[in-house]
Amino acid sequence: MKNFNLKTYLFAGIGLLAFAGSAFGGAAGSGSIGFCGGGGVIVDATHITWSPPNGSLGAGWGCDVTGNGTAITYNNGPGMSGTIGSNVTGNIRNLPAVGDMFLTFPGAGGYNLDFVLSGFGPTNTTSTACSDSLPNECIVTAGSPFDLLNNANGVAVTLSTVGTIVDGGVTSVWNAIFTTQLSSIPQFGGIATDEQVQDVILGDGVAAGSIGPTSWSATLTVTPIPEPGTVTMFLLSGIALIGIGRKRFGKP
């Protein structure tokens, strides 16, 4: 009985410590998003335009849809809690537009999850030396958020975005990594290279223009930020229970 009681205190304390990492509420989960039917993305020197356009929001937004296995939970109050699952149509804002409503998804009770864009993640390289060699990785210009990587099938393009989302008074951080594969570029023909992408965007030797529309997809992760006061409360409670158990049932 003595050992059983000691274990009870220890497990209760450890349970509170573990519970502290998951009891903060707010939006949380992961999944993927992609373009709606008949759409894609168009990129030029100064804009990223998602298609098809979302007419309900006016100019400046495109249509996106969640992929299989997506599960992002939210809890914004009575009647406004649920999970954003697979095949949910949302909105994605054309860039440049850092700030409110970069991504939105409809929820229960007319509530919309609002993904605020804070900025872009780092690229794997800062080199602007694009070429037709394999493998070669570059960015079009200094500070560009697009990572370009030559491969046997063309150019893999990656864009990382970061931001916040407030749900039920709790702030979460989110990250989306967008990817697309450019197999060929009409201005050149043949297999695409990162040098060709650079030439088109900068208008170097070919008619200045855009690339796309091309298909795209993105992985999406949402993680709540725990409130310091709540963390402290759960940690102290867990430590106190463990301490009581050891003091009460420990050997003299």
Protein backbone atom coordinates (compact mmCIF):
# COMPACT_ATOMS: atom_id res chain seq x y z
CA MET A 1 0.00 0.00 0.00
CA LYS A 2 2.86 2.31 0.85
CA ASN A 3 4.47 1.84 -2.55
CA PHE A 4 1.10 2.16 -4.26
CA ASN A 5 0.42 5.52 -2.59
CA LEU A 6 3.88 6.81 -3.45
CA LYS A 7 3.39 5.85 -7.08
CA THR A 8 0.00 7.55 -7.07
CA TYR A 9 1.55 10.87 -5.98
CA LEU A 10 4.40 10.54 -8.42
CA PHE A 11 2.16 9.73 -11.37
CA ALA A 12 -0.23 12.55 -10.45
CA GLY A 13 2.64 15.02 -10.33
CA ILE A 14 4.16 13.80 -13.57
CA GLY A 15 0.70 13.87 -15.16
CA LEU A 16 0.29 17.54 -14.27
CA LEU A 17 3.71 18.34 -15.68
CA ALA A 18 2.82 16.60 -18.93
CA PHE A 19 -0.65 18.15 -18.98
CA ALA A 20 0.94 21.60 -18.78
CA GLY A 21 2.18 21.15 -22.34
CA SER A 22 -1.27 20.49 -23.76
CA ALA A 23 -3.78 22.45 -21.67
CA PHE A 24 -3.34 25.94 -23.01
CA GLY A 25 -6.08 25.95 -25.66
CA GLY A 26 -5.81 27.88 -28.88
CA ALA A 27 -5.51 26.60 -32.43
CA ALA A 28 -3.22 23.60 -32.85
CA GLY A 29 -2.46 20.87 -35.33
CA SER A 30 -0.94 20.24 -38.72
CA GLY A 31 -1.79 19.32 -42.28
CA SER A 32 -1.39 20.56 -45.81
CA ILE A 33 -2.97 22.96 -48.28
CA GLY A 34 -2.97 23.23 -52.05
CA PHE A 35 -4.59 25.00 -54.97
CA CYS A 36 -8.27 24.70 -55.83
CA GLY A 37 -9.26 22.98 -59.06
CA GLY A 38 -8.08 24.76 -62.18
CA GLY A 39 -5.77 27.02 -60.21
CA GLY A 40 -2.11 27.50 -59.40
CA VAL A 41 0.32 30.28 -58.61
CA ILE A 42 1.85 33.01 -60.79
CA VAL A 43 5.11 34.70 -59.77
CA ASP A 44 6.73 37.81 -61.20
CA ALA A 45 9.37 40.22 -59.90
CA THR A 46 7.08 41.84 -57.33
CA HIS A 47 3.96 39.70 -56.91
CA ILE A 48 2.71 36.24 -56.00
CA THR A 49 -0.81 35.70 -57.31
CA TRP A 50 -2.87 32.67 -56.33
CA SER A 51 -5.58 31.33 -58.61
CA PRO A 52 -8.41 30.79 -59.10
CA PRO A 53 -9.35 34.15 -57.55
CA ASN A 54 -11.78 34.21 -54.64
CA GLY A 55 -14.46 36.62 -55.73
CA SER A 56 -16.24 36.65 -52.36
CA LEU A 57 -13.37 38.61 -50.81
CA GLY A 58 -12.79 40.90 -53.77
CA ALA A 59 -9.48 41.45 -55.55
CA GLY A 60 -6.36 40.19 -53.88
CA TRP A 61 -7.31 36.69 -52.73
CA GLY A 62 -7.12 33.24 -54.25
CA CYS A 63 -8.64 29.87 -53.37
CA ASP A 64 -6.94 27.05 -51.47
CA VAL A 65 -8.06 23.73 -50.01
CA THR A 66 -6.81 21.52 -47.18
CA GLY A 67 -5.26 18.15 -48.01
CA ASN A 68 -5.84 14.64 -46.66
CA GLY A 69 -4.87 14.15 -43.02
CA THR A 70 -5.26 17.81 -42.06
CA ALA A 71 -6.43 18.27 -38.45
CA ILE A 72 -6.25 21.76 -36.95
CA THR A 73 -8.36 22.18 -33.82
CA TYR A 74 -9.77 25.47 -32.57
CA ASN A 75 -11.77 26.60 -29.53
CA ASN A 76 -13.13 30.11 -29.76
CA GLY A 77 -16.00 29.62 -27.33
CA PRO A 78 -19.38 27.86 -27.13
CA GLY A 79 -20.61 26.79 -30.53
CA MET A 80 -17.39 27.89 -32.19
CA SER A 81 -15.10 24.92 -31.55
CA GLY A 82 -14.12 22.21 -33.95
CA THR A 83 -11.49 20.86 -36.31
CA ILE A 84 -10.41 21.99 -39.75
CA GLY A 85 -10.07 18.67 -41.56
CA SER A 86 -9.49 17.52 -45.13
CA ASN A 87 -11.05 19.12 -48.22
CA VAL A 88 -11.94 22.42 -46.53
CA THR A 89 -11.89 25.37 -48.93
CA GLY A 90 -10.22 28.53 -47.67
CA ASN A 91 -8.69 31.77 -48.86
CA ILE A 92 -5.08 32.78 -49.48
CA ARG A 93 -3.99 36.38 -49.93
CA ASN A 94 -1.85 37.57 -52.84
CA LEU A 95 1.60 38.89 -51.97
CA PRO A 96 3.14 41.28 -51.10
CA ALA A 97 0.74 41.62 -48.18
CA VAL A 98 2.29 41.01 -44.78
CA GLY A 99 -0.37 41.19 -42.08
CA ASP A 100 -3.95 40.15 -41.44
CA MET A 101 -5.80 37.37 -43.30
CA PHE A 102 -3.01 35.70 -45.25
CA LEU A 103 -4.87 32.42 -44.81
CA THR A 104 -8.45 32.01 -43.60
CA PHE A 105 -10.57 28.91 -43.06
CA PRO A 106 -14.26 28.80 -42.09
CA GLY A 107 -15.13 27.31 -38.72
CA ALA A 108 -18.21 26.54 -36.65
CA GLY A 109 -20.67 29.29 -35.76
CA GLY A 110 -19.48 31.55 -38.57
CA TYR A 111 -16.04 31.83 -36.98
CA ASN A 112 -13.02 32.15 -39.29
CA LEU A 113 -9.49 31.11 -38.41
CA ASP A 114 -7.31 34.08 -39.36
CA PHE A 115 -3.65 33.31 -40.11
CA VAL A 116 -1.67 36.56 -39.81
CA LEU A 117 1.52 36.64 -41.91
CA SER A 118 4.53 37.96 -39.98
CA GLY A 119 7.24 37.30 -42.55
CA PHE A 120 9.28 34.69 -44.38
CA GLY A 121 11.64 32.00 -43.20
CA PRO A 122 15.30 31.83 -44.25
CA THR A 123 16.42 30.25 -47.51
CA ASN A 124 18.99 27.45 -47.61
CA THR A 125 21.42 29.71 -49.47
CA THR A 126 22.11 33.41 -49.99
CA SER A 127 23.91 32.86 -53.30
CA THR A 128 22.54 34.69 -56.36
CA ALA A 129 24.80 32.65 -58.69
CA CYS A 130 22.04 30.81 -60.54
CA SER A 131 23.16 28.47 -63.33
CA ASP A 132 22.16 25.44 -65.38
CA SER A 133 24.42 23.03 -63.47
CA LEU A 134 23.28 20.10 -61.34
CA PRO A 135 22.88 20.47 -58.48
CA ASN A 136 22.82 24.22 -58.04
CA GLU A 137 20.93 26.24 -55.44
CA CYS A 138 20.36 29.99 -55.51
CA ILE A 139 17.99 32.90 -54.92
CA VAL A 140 17.01 35.35 -57.66
CA THR A 141 18.18 38.51 -55.87
CA ALA A 142 19.59 39.32 -52.44
CA GLY A 143 16.85 39.02 -49.85
CA SER A 144 14.50 36.96 -52.02
CA PRO A 145 12.47 34.45 -49.96
CA PHE A 146 12.41 31.86 -52.78
CA ASP A 147 14.90 29.01 -52.65
CA LEU A 148 15.65 27.57 -56.13
CA LEU A 149 17.25 24.14 -56.51
CA ASN A 150 18.12 22.49 -59.84
CA ASN A 151 17.31 18.80 -60.16
CA ALA A 152 16.97 16.27 -62.97
CA ASN A 153 13.32 17.21 -63.50
CA GLY A 154 13.68 21.01 -63.44
CA VAL A 155 13.68 23.44 -60.53
CA ALA A 156 12.31 22.84 -57.05
CA VAL A 157 11.05 26.10 -55.56
CA THR A 158 10.53 26.53 -51.81
CA LEU A 159 8.98 29.41 -49.85
CA SER A 160 8.69 29.42 -46.05
CA THR A 161 6.13 31.67 -44.32
CA VAL A 162 5.62 32.30 -40.60
CA GLY A 163 2.98 34.08 -38.54
CA THR A 164 0.48 33.99 -35.69
CA ILE A 165 -3.15 33.09 -35.12
CA VAL A 166 -5.31 34.11 -32.15
CA ASP A 167 -8.03 31.67 -31.14
CA GLY A 168 -10.06 31.94 -27.94
CA GLY A 169 -7.68 34.59 -26.65
CA VAL A 170 -4.66 32.28 -27.06
CA THR A 171 -1.92 33.03 -29.58
CA SER A 172 -0.44 30.24 -31.68
CA VAL A 173 2.47 30.38 -34.09
CA TRP A 174 2.18 28.84 -37.53
CA ASN A 175 4.58 27.90 -40.29
CA ALA A 176 3.79 26.98 -43.88
CA ILE A 177 6.39 25.66 -46.33
CA PHE A 178 5.24 26.12 -49.93
CA THR A 179 6.76 24.05 -52.72
CA THR A 180 6.38 23.70 -56.46
CA GLN A 181 8.31 21.95 -59.22
CA LEU A 182 8.99 23.83 -62.46
CA SER A 183 9.56 21.27 -65.20
CA SER A 184 9.88 23.80 -68.03
CA ILE A 185 9.58 27.53 -68.70
CA PRO A 186 7.81 28.54 -71.96
CA GLN A 187 10.21 31.41 -72.65
CA PHE A 188 13.04 28.88 -73.00
CA GLY A 189 11.69 25.37 -73.51
CA GLY A 190 13.51 22.24 -72.42
CA ILE A 191 14.07 21.37 -68.77
CA ALA A 192 13.84 24.39 -66.48
CA THR A 193 16.89 25.67 -64.58
CA ASP A 194 17.23 28.18 -61.76
CA GLU A 195 19.17 30.44 -64.15
CA GLN A 196 16.13 30.55 -66.45
CA VAL A 197 13.90 31.46 -63.51
CA GLN A 198 16.28 34.27 -62.61
CA ASP A 199 16.37 35.53 -66.21
CA VAL A 200 12.58 35.66 -66.49
CA ILE A 201 12.04 37.38 -63.14
CA LEU A 202 14.77 39.95 -63.82
CA GLY A 203 13.98 40.32 -67.54
CA ASP A 204 17.54 39.45 -68.46
CA GLY A 205 17.78 38.46 -72.13
CA VAL A 206 14.11 37.50 -72.44
CA ALA A 207 10.86 39.39 -72.25
CA ALA A 208 10.28 40.34 -68.64
CA GLY A 209 7.31 38.43 -67.43
CA SER A 210 6.00 35.89 -64.98
CA ILE A 211 6.22 32.20 -64.29
CA GLY A 212 3.04 30.14 -64.01
CA PRO A 213 0.36 29.38 -63.32
CA THR A 214 1.90 26.27 -61.80
CA SER A 215 0.66 23.80 -59.22
CA TRP A 216 1.71 24.19 -55.59
CA SER A 217 1.31 22.63 -52.17
CA ALA A 218 2.31 23.53 -48.62
CA THR A 219 2.75 21.81 -45.27
CA LEU A 220 1.14 23.68 -42.38
CA THR A 221 1.91 23.49 -38.65
CA VAL A 222 0.12 25.37 -35.85
CA THR A 223 1.48 25.40 -32.28
CA PRO A 224 -0.04 27.24 -29.27
CA ILE A 225 2.16 29.54 -27.18
CA PRO A 226 1.57 28.74 -23.48
CA GLU A 227 0.91 31.65 -21.13
CA PRO A 228 3.78 32.05 -18.59
CA GLY A 229 1.39 32.14 -15.64
CA THR A 230 -0.32 28.92 -16.69
CA VAL A 231 3.00 27.15 -17.19
CA THR A 232 4.19 28.22 -13.75
CA MET A 233 0.98 27.05 -12.07
CA PHE A 234 1.09 23.58 -13.59
CA LEU A 235 4.81 23.14 -13.00
CA LEU A 236 4.57 24.18 -9.35
CA SER A 237 1.55 21.94 -8.79
CA GLY A 238 3.29 18.96 -10.33
CA ILE A 239 6.51 19.51 -8.41
CA ALA A 240 4.57 20.00 -5.15
CA LEU A 241 2.72 16.71 -5.57
CA ILE A 242 5.92 14.84 -6.30
CA GLY A 243 7.55 16.45 -3.25
CA ILE A 244 4.63 15.56 -0.97
CA GLY A 245 4.69 11.98 -2.16
CA ARG A 246 8.38 11.61 -1.49
CA LYS A 247 8.18 13.28 1.94
CA ARG A 248 5.15 11.33 3.10
CA PHE A 249 6.20 7.90 1.91
CA GLY A 250 9.95 8.18 1.85
CA LYS A 251 12.18 6.42 4.32
CA PRO A 252 13.11 8.40 7.47
